[in-house]
Amino acid sequence: MTPIQILLILAAVVVLLVYFNRLRSRLLDRVLFFLLAVLAVVMVARPDWANAVAHFLGVGRGADLVVYLGITGLAFLWLSLYTRQREMDVRLTELARRLAILQAEKPKGKKKGKKVSSE
């Protein structure tokens, strides 16, 4: 095994451990993240397998396949985070409206049934 392979495998393991220890998520997210980490370790440890999969899919090299999948994954991540941010914006707006209504004060100087002149 080459030094870069060892470093990349260690990086994948560290990222996996940090994810499991620091970030909370649903079970499906954890399983998918674990599978991605295992796939990363396999692709690093056995680059010939990555090349074989790439050739099967019509891509020239395994490294190119990893880049294409990475770009696709980042686009999905960006879209997911953008959607979540939009949902939080809507929820925050609704919360601000409710808070404003709860804290609103009745106007002073106006009595029920009487009009106040605007002179």
N, C-alpha and C. Protein backbone atom coordinates (compact mmCIF):
# COMPACT_ATOMS: atom_id res chain seq x y z
N MET A 1 0.85 -1.17 0.00
CA MET A 1 0.00 0.00 0.00
C MET A 1 0.90 1.24 0.00
N THR A 2 0.51 2.22 -0.79
CA THR A 2 1.31 3.45 -0.89
C THR A 2 0.96 4.39 0.26
N PRO A 3 1.83 5.35 0.53
CA PRO A 3 1.54 6.30 1.62
C PRO A 3 0.24 7.09 1.41
N ILE A 4 -0.05 7.47 0.17
CA ILE A 4 -1.28 8.25 -0.07
C ILE A 4 -2.51 7.40 0.21
N GLN A 5 -2.44 6.11 -0.08
CA GLN A 5 -3.56 5.23 0.22
C GLN A 5 -3.80 5.15 1.72
N ILE A 6 -2.73 5.04 2.49
CA ILE A 6 -2.85 4.98 3.94
C ILE A 6 -3.46 6.28 4.46
N LEU A 7 -2.97 7.42 3.97
CA LEU A 7 -3.50 8.71 4.41
C LEU A 7 -4.98 8.87 4.06
N LEU A 8 -5.36 8.47 2.86
CA LEU A 8 -6.76 8.60 2.44
C LEU A 8 -7.68 7.68 3.24
N ILE A 9 -7.22 6.48 3.51
CA ILE A 9 -8.03 5.56 4.31
C ILE A 9 -8.18 6.09 5.73
N LEU A 10 -7.09 6.60 6.32
CA LEU A 10 -7.17 7.19 7.65
C LEU A 10 -8.11 8.40 7.65
N ALA A 11 -8.05 9.21 6.61
CA ALA A 11 -8.94 10.37 6.52
C ALA A 11 -10.40 9.92 6.47
N ALA A 12 -10.70 8.89 5.68
CA ALA A 12 -12.07 8.39 5.59
C ALA A 12 -12.55 7.85 6.93
N VAL A 13 -11.68 7.15 7.66
CA VAL A 13 -12.05 6.61 8.97
C VAL A 13 -12.27 7.74 9.97
N VAL A 14 -11.41 8.75 9.95
CA VAL A 14 -11.56 9.89 10.87
C VAL A 14 -12.86 10.63 10.60
N VAL A 15 -13.15 10.88 9.33
CA VAL A 15 -14.40 11.56 8.97
C VAL A 15 -15.60 10.74 9.44
N LEU A 16 -15.54 9.45 9.25
CA LEU A 16 -16.62 8.57 9.69
C LEU A 16 -16.80 8.64 11.21
N LEU A 17 -15.71 8.59 11.96
CA LEU A 17 -15.80 8.64 13.42
C LEU A 17 -16.32 9.99 13.90
N VAL A 18 -15.85 11.06 13.30
CA VAL A 18 -16.35 12.39 13.68
C VAL A 18 -17.84 12.50 13.38
N TYR A 19 -18.25 12.00 12.25
CA TYR A 19 -19.66 12.04 11.88
C TYR A 19 -20.51 11.30 12.91
N PHE A 20 -20.09 10.11 13.29
CA PHE A 20 -20.88 9.33 14.23
C PHE A 20 -20.85 9.90 15.65
N ASN A 21 -19.73 10.50 16.04
CA ASN A 21 -19.60 11.01 17.40
C ASN A 21 -20.16 12.41 17.58
N ARG A 22 -20.07 13.27 16.59
CA ARG A 22 -20.43 14.67 16.76
C ARG A 22 -21.76 15.05 16.13
N LEU A 23 -22.11 14.45 15.03
CA LEU A 23 -23.32 14.85 14.31
C LEU A 23 -24.44 13.86 14.57
N ARG A 24 -25.61 14.39 14.77
CA ARG A 24 -26.77 13.53 15.00
C ARG A 24 -27.56 13.45 13.71
N SER A 25 -28.04 12.26 13.43
CA SER A 25 -28.81 12.11 12.20
C SER A 25 -29.72 10.89 12.32
N ARG A 26 -30.53 10.73 11.32
CA ARG A 26 -31.41 9.57 11.29
C ARG A 26 -30.61 8.32 10.96
N LEU A 27 -31.20 7.18 11.22
CA LEU A 27 -30.52 5.91 10.99
C LEU A 27 -30.16 5.74 9.52
N LEU A 28 -31.06 6.09 8.61
CA LEU A 28 -30.79 5.94 7.19
C LEU A 28 -29.59 6.79 6.78
N ASP A 29 -29.48 8.01 7.30
CA ASP A 29 -28.33 8.86 7.00
C ASP A 29 -27.03 8.21 7.47
N ARG A 30 -27.07 7.63 8.66
CA ARG A 30 -25.88 6.98 9.20
C ARG A 30 -25.47 5.78 8.36
N VAL A 31 -26.44 4.99 7.94
CA VAL A 31 -26.13 3.81 7.13
C VAL A 31 -25.54 4.24 5.79
N LEU A 32 -26.14 5.24 5.14
CA LEU A 32 -25.62 5.71 3.85
C LEU A 32 -24.22 6.29 4.00
N PHE A 33 -24.00 7.06 5.06
CA PHE A 33 -22.68 7.64 5.28
C PHE A 33 -21.65 6.55 5.52
N PHE A 34 -22.03 5.54 6.29
CA PHE A 34 -21.13 4.41 6.54
C PHE A 34 -20.78 3.69 5.24
N LEU A 35 -21.79 3.46 4.40
CA LEU A 35 -21.53 2.78 3.13
C LEU A 35 -20.63 3.62 2.22
N LEU A 36 -20.82 4.93 2.22
CA LEU A 36 -19.95 5.80 1.44
C LEU A 36 -18.51 5.75 1.94
N ALA A 37 -18.34 5.72 3.25
CA ALA A 37 -16.99 5.64 3.82
C ALA A 37 -16.33 4.31 3.45
N VAL A 38 -17.08 3.23 3.54
CA VAL A 38 -16.54 1.92 3.15
C VAL A 38 -16.18 1.91 1.68
N LEU A 39 -17.04 2.48 0.84
CA LEU A 39 -16.76 2.57 -0.59
C LEU A 39 -15.49 3.39 -0.84
N ALA A 40 -15.32 4.48 -0.11
CA ALA A 40 -14.11 5.29 -0.26
C ALA A 40 -12.87 4.49 0.11
N VAL A 41 -12.92 3.74 1.19
CA VAL A 41 -11.77 2.93 1.60
C VAL A 41 -11.48 1.87 0.55
N VAL A 42 -12.50 1.24 0.01
CA VAL A 42 -12.30 0.21 -1.01
C VAL A 42 -11.71 0.81 -2.27
N MET A 43 -12.21 1.98 -2.69
CA MET A 43 -11.69 2.63 -3.91
C MET A 43 -10.23 3.04 -3.73
N VAL A 44 -9.87 3.43 -2.52
CA VAL A 44 -8.48 3.82 -2.26
C VAL A 44 -7.59 2.58 -2.18
N ALA A 45 -8.06 1.57 -1.49
CA ALA A 45 -7.25 0.36 -1.30
C ALA A 45 -7.12 -0.45 -2.58
N ARG A 46 -8.16 -0.45 -3.39
CA ARG A 46 -8.16 -1.23 -4.63
C ARG A 46 -8.52 -0.35 -5.83
N PRO A 47 -7.60 0.49 -6.28
CA PRO A 47 -7.91 1.38 -7.40
C PRO A 47 -8.25 0.63 -8.69
N ASP A 48 -7.77 -0.60 -8.83
CA ASP A 48 -8.10 -1.38 -10.02
C ASP A 48 -9.60 -1.68 -10.08
N TRP A 49 -10.23 -1.80 -8.93
CA TRP A 49 -11.69 -2.01 -8.90
C TRP A 49 -12.41 -0.75 -9.37
N ALA A 50 -11.91 0.40 -8.94
CA ALA A 50 -12.50 1.66 -9.39
C ALA A 50 -12.38 1.79 -10.91
N ASN A 51 -11.22 1.39 -11.45
CA ASN A 51 -11.04 1.43 -12.90
C ASN A 51 -11.99 0.46 -13.61
N ALA A 52 -12.17 -0.71 -13.03
CA ALA A 52 -13.07 -1.70 -13.65
C ALA A 52 -14.51 -1.17 -13.68
N VAL A 53 -14.95 -0.59 -12.57
CA VAL A 53 -16.31 -0.03 -12.52
C VAL A 53 -16.43 1.13 -13.50
N ALA A 54 -15.39 1.96 -13.57
CA ALA A 54 -15.40 3.09 -14.49
C ALA A 54 -15.50 2.61 -15.94
N HIS A 55 -14.72 1.63 -16.30
CA HIS A 55 -14.78 1.10 -17.66
C HIS A 55 -16.14 0.49 -17.96
N PHE A 56 -16.72 -0.19 -16.98
CA PHE A 56 -18.05 -0.78 -17.16
C PHE A 56 -19.09 0.31 -17.43
N LEU A 57 -18.94 1.45 -16.76
CA LEU A 57 -19.89 2.55 -16.92
C LEU A 57 -19.55 3.47 -18.10
N GLY A 58 -18.44 3.19 -18.79
CA GLY A 58 -18.07 3.98 -19.95
C GLY A 58 -17.23 5.20 -19.63
N VAL A 59 -16.60 5.21 -18.47
CA VAL A 59 -15.71 6.31 -18.07
C VAL A 59 -14.29 5.82 -18.23
N GLY A 60 -13.40 6.71 -18.64
CA GLY A 60 -12.03 6.32 -18.93
C GLY A 60 -11.25 5.78 -17.74
N ARG A 61 -11.28 6.50 -16.63
CA ARG A 61 -10.48 6.11 -15.46
C ARG A 61 -11.34 6.11 -14.21
N GLY A 62 -10.88 5.37 -13.21
CA GLY A 62 -11.57 5.34 -11.93
C GLY A 62 -11.55 6.69 -11.24
N ALA A 63 -10.45 7.42 -11.41
CA ALA A 63 -10.35 8.75 -10.81
C ALA A 63 -11.40 9.69 -11.41
N ASP A 64 -11.61 9.57 -12.72
CA ASP A 64 -12.64 10.40 -13.36
C ASP A 64 -14.02 10.06 -12.81
N LEU A 65 -14.27 8.77 -12.63
CA LEU A 65 -15.56 8.35 -12.07
C LEU A 65 -15.76 8.93 -10.68
N VAL A 66 -14.71 8.91 -9.86
CA VAL A 66 -14.81 9.46 -8.50
C VAL A 66 -15.10 10.95 -8.57
N VAL A 67 -14.46 11.66 -9.49
CA VAL A 67 -14.71 13.10 -9.64
C VAL A 67 -16.15 13.34 -10.06
N TYR A 68 -16.64 12.59 -11.04
CA TYR A 68 -18.03 12.77 -11.51
C TYR A 68 -19.02 12.50 -10.38
N LEU A 69 -18.79 11.42 -9.65
CA LEU A 69 -19.67 11.10 -8.53
C LEU A 69 -19.57 12.15 -7.43
N GLY A 70 -18.37 12.67 -7.21
CA GLY A 70 -18.20 13.72 -6.22
C GLY A 70 -18.93 15.00 -6.59
N ILE A 71 -18.85 15.40 -7.84
CA ILE A 71 -19.56 16.60 -8.29
C ILE A 71 -21.07 16.39 -8.17
N THR A 72 -21.54 15.22 -8.54
CA THR A 72 -22.97 14.91 -8.42
C THR A 72 -23.39 14.93 -6.95
N GLY A 73 -22.58 14.35 -6.10
CA GLY A 73 -22.88 14.33 -4.67
C GLY A 73 -22.89 15.73 -4.07
N LEU A 74 -21.95 16.58 -4.47
CA LEU A 74 -21.92 17.95 -3.98
C LEU A 74 -23.13 18.75 -4.47
N ALA A 75 -23.55 18.50 -5.70
CA ALA A 75 -24.75 19.17 -6.21
C ALA A 75 -25.97 18.75 -5.40
N PHE A 76 -26.07 17.47 -5.09
CA PHE A 76 -27.17 16.99 -4.27
C PHE A 76 -27.12 17.60 -2.87
N LEU A 77 -25.92 17.66 -2.30
CA LEU A 77 -25.76 18.25 -0.98
C LEU A 77 -26.16 19.72 -0.99
N TRP A 78 -25.72 20.46 -2.00
CA TRP A 78 -26.06 21.88 -2.11
C TRP A 78 -27.57 22.05 -2.20
N LEU A 79 -28.21 21.26 -3.04
CA LEU A 79 -29.66 21.35 -3.19
C LEU A 79 -30.37 21.01 -1.89
N SER A 80 -29.89 20.00 -1.20
CA SER A 80 -30.49 19.61 0.08
C SER A 80 -30.35 20.72 1.11
N LEU A 81 -29.16 21.30 1.22
CA LEU A 81 -28.94 22.39 2.18
C LEU A 81 -29.74 23.64 1.81
N TYR A 82 -29.83 23.93 0.53
CA TYR A 82 -30.61 25.08 0.08
C TYR A 82 -32.08 24.91 0.43
N THR A 83 -32.61 23.71 0.20
CA THR A 83 -34.01 23.42 0.52
C THR A 83 -34.24 23.55 2.02
N ARG A 84 -33.33 23.02 2.82
CA ARG A 84 -33.47 23.11 4.27
C ARG A 84 -33.41 24.57 4.73
N GLN A 85 -32.54 25.36 4.12
CA GLN A 85 -32.44 26.78 4.48
C GLN A 85 -33.72 27.52 4.14
N ARG A 86 -34.30 27.23 2.99
CA ARG A 86 -35.56 27.87 2.60
C ARG A 86 -36.67 27.50 3.58
N GLU A 87 -36.72 26.25 4.00
CA GLU A 87 -37.73 25.82 4.98
C GLU A 87 -37.53 26.55 6.30
N MET A 88 -36.29 26.72 6.72
CA MET A 88 -36.02 27.43 7.96
C MET A 88 -36.39 28.91 7.84
N ASP A 89 -36.17 29.51 6.67
CA ASP A 89 -36.57 30.90 6.45
C ASP A 89 -38.08 31.07 6.60
N VAL A 90 -38.83 30.15 6.02
CA VAL A 90 -40.29 30.20 6.11
C VAL A 90 -40.73 30.04 7.56
N ARG A 91 -40.12 29.10 8.27
CA ARG A 91 -40.48 28.88 9.68
C ARG A 91 -40.12 30.09 10.54
N LEU A 92 -38.98 30.71 10.28
CA LEU A 92 -38.57 31.89 11.03
C LEU A 92 -39.50 33.06 10.77
N THR A 93 -39.92 33.23 9.53
CA THR A 93 -40.87 34.29 9.19
C THR A 93 -42.18 34.08 9.91
N GLU A 94 -42.67 32.86 9.92
CA GLU A 94 -43.92 32.55 10.62
C GLU A 94 -43.78 32.80 12.12
N LEU A 95 -42.66 32.42 12.69
CA LEU A 95 -42.42 32.64 14.11
C LEU A 95 -42.36 34.14 14.42
N ALA A 96 -41.69 34.91 13.58
CA ALA A 96 -41.61 36.36 13.79
C ALA A 96 -42.99 37.01 13.71
N ARG A 97 -43.81 36.55 12.79
CA ARG A 97 -45.18 37.07 12.67
C ARG A 97 -45.98 36.78 13.94
N ARG A 98 -45.91 35.55 14.40
CA ARG A 98 -46.66 35.18 15.61
C ARG A 98 -46.19 35.97 16.82
N LEU A 99 -44.88 36.15 16.93
CA LEU A 99 -44.33 36.91 18.04
C LEU A 99 -44.76 38.37 17.97
N ALA A 100 -44.77 38.94 16.78
CA ALA A 100 -45.20 40.33 16.62
C ALA A 100 -46.67 40.49 17.00
N ILE A 101 -47.49 39.53 16.64
CA ILE A 101 -48.91 39.61 16.98
C ILE A 101 -49.10 39.49 18.49
N LEU A 102 -48.35 38.59 19.12
CA LEU A 102 -48.46 38.41 20.57
C LEU A 102 -47.97 39.64 21.34
N GLN A 103 -46.99 40.33 20.83
CA GLN A 103 -46.42 41.47 21.52
C GLN A 103 -47.02 42.80 21.09
N ALA A 104 -47.94 42.75 20.17
CA ALA A 104 -48.53 44.00 19.68
C ALA A 104 -49.32 44.67 20.79
N GLU A 105 -49.22 45.99 20.84
CA GLU A 105 -49.96 46.77 21.83
C GLU A 105 -51.15 47.41 21.14
N LYS A 106 -52.22 47.56 21.91
CA LYS A 106 -53.40 48.23 21.37
C LYS A 106 -53.08 49.72 21.25
N PRO A 107 -53.56 50.36 20.19
CA PRO A 107 -53.30 51.78 20.02
C PRO A 107 -53.96 52.58 21.14
N LYS A 108 -53.25 53.59 21.64
CA LYS A 108 -53.78 54.43 22.71
C LYS A 108 -54.49 55.63 22.12
N GLY A 109 -55.49 56.09 22.80
CA GLY A 109 -56.20 57.29 22.37
C GLY A 109 -57.46 57.02 21.58
N LYS A 110 -57.68 55.83 21.23
CA LYS A 110 -58.90 55.51 20.49
C LYS A 110 -59.81 54.72 21.41
N LYS A 111 -61.06 55.15 21.41
CA LYS A 111 -62.05 54.43 22.20
C LYS A 111 -63.03 53.81 21.25
N LYS A 112 -63.57 52.74 21.69
CA LYS A 112 -64.54 52.02 20.88
C LYS A 112 -65.75 52.90 20.58
N GLY A 113 -66.09 52.98 19.29
CA GLY A 113 -67.29 53.72 18.90
C GLY A 113 -67.05 55.19 18.63
N LYS A 114 -65.94 55.76 19.02
CA LYS A 114 -65.66 57.17 18.79
C LYS A 114 -64.56 57.30 17.75
N LYS A 115 -64.71 58.27 16.88
CA LYS A 115 -63.69 58.55 15.89
C LYS A 115 -62.79 59.66 16.41
N VAL A 116 -61.53 59.54 16.16
CA VAL A 116 -60.59 60.56 16.57
C VAL A 116 -60.33 61.45 15.36
N SER A 117 -60.49 62.76 15.56
CA SER A 117 -60.28 63.68 14.43
C SER A 117 -58.80 63.78 14.13
N SER A 118 -58.51 64.02 12.87
CA SER A 118 -57.11 64.06 12.44
C SER A 118 -56.67 65.49 12.15
N GLU A 119 -57.08 66.46 12.96
CA GLU A 119 -56.75 67.87 12.74
C GLU A 119 -55.40 68.22 13.22
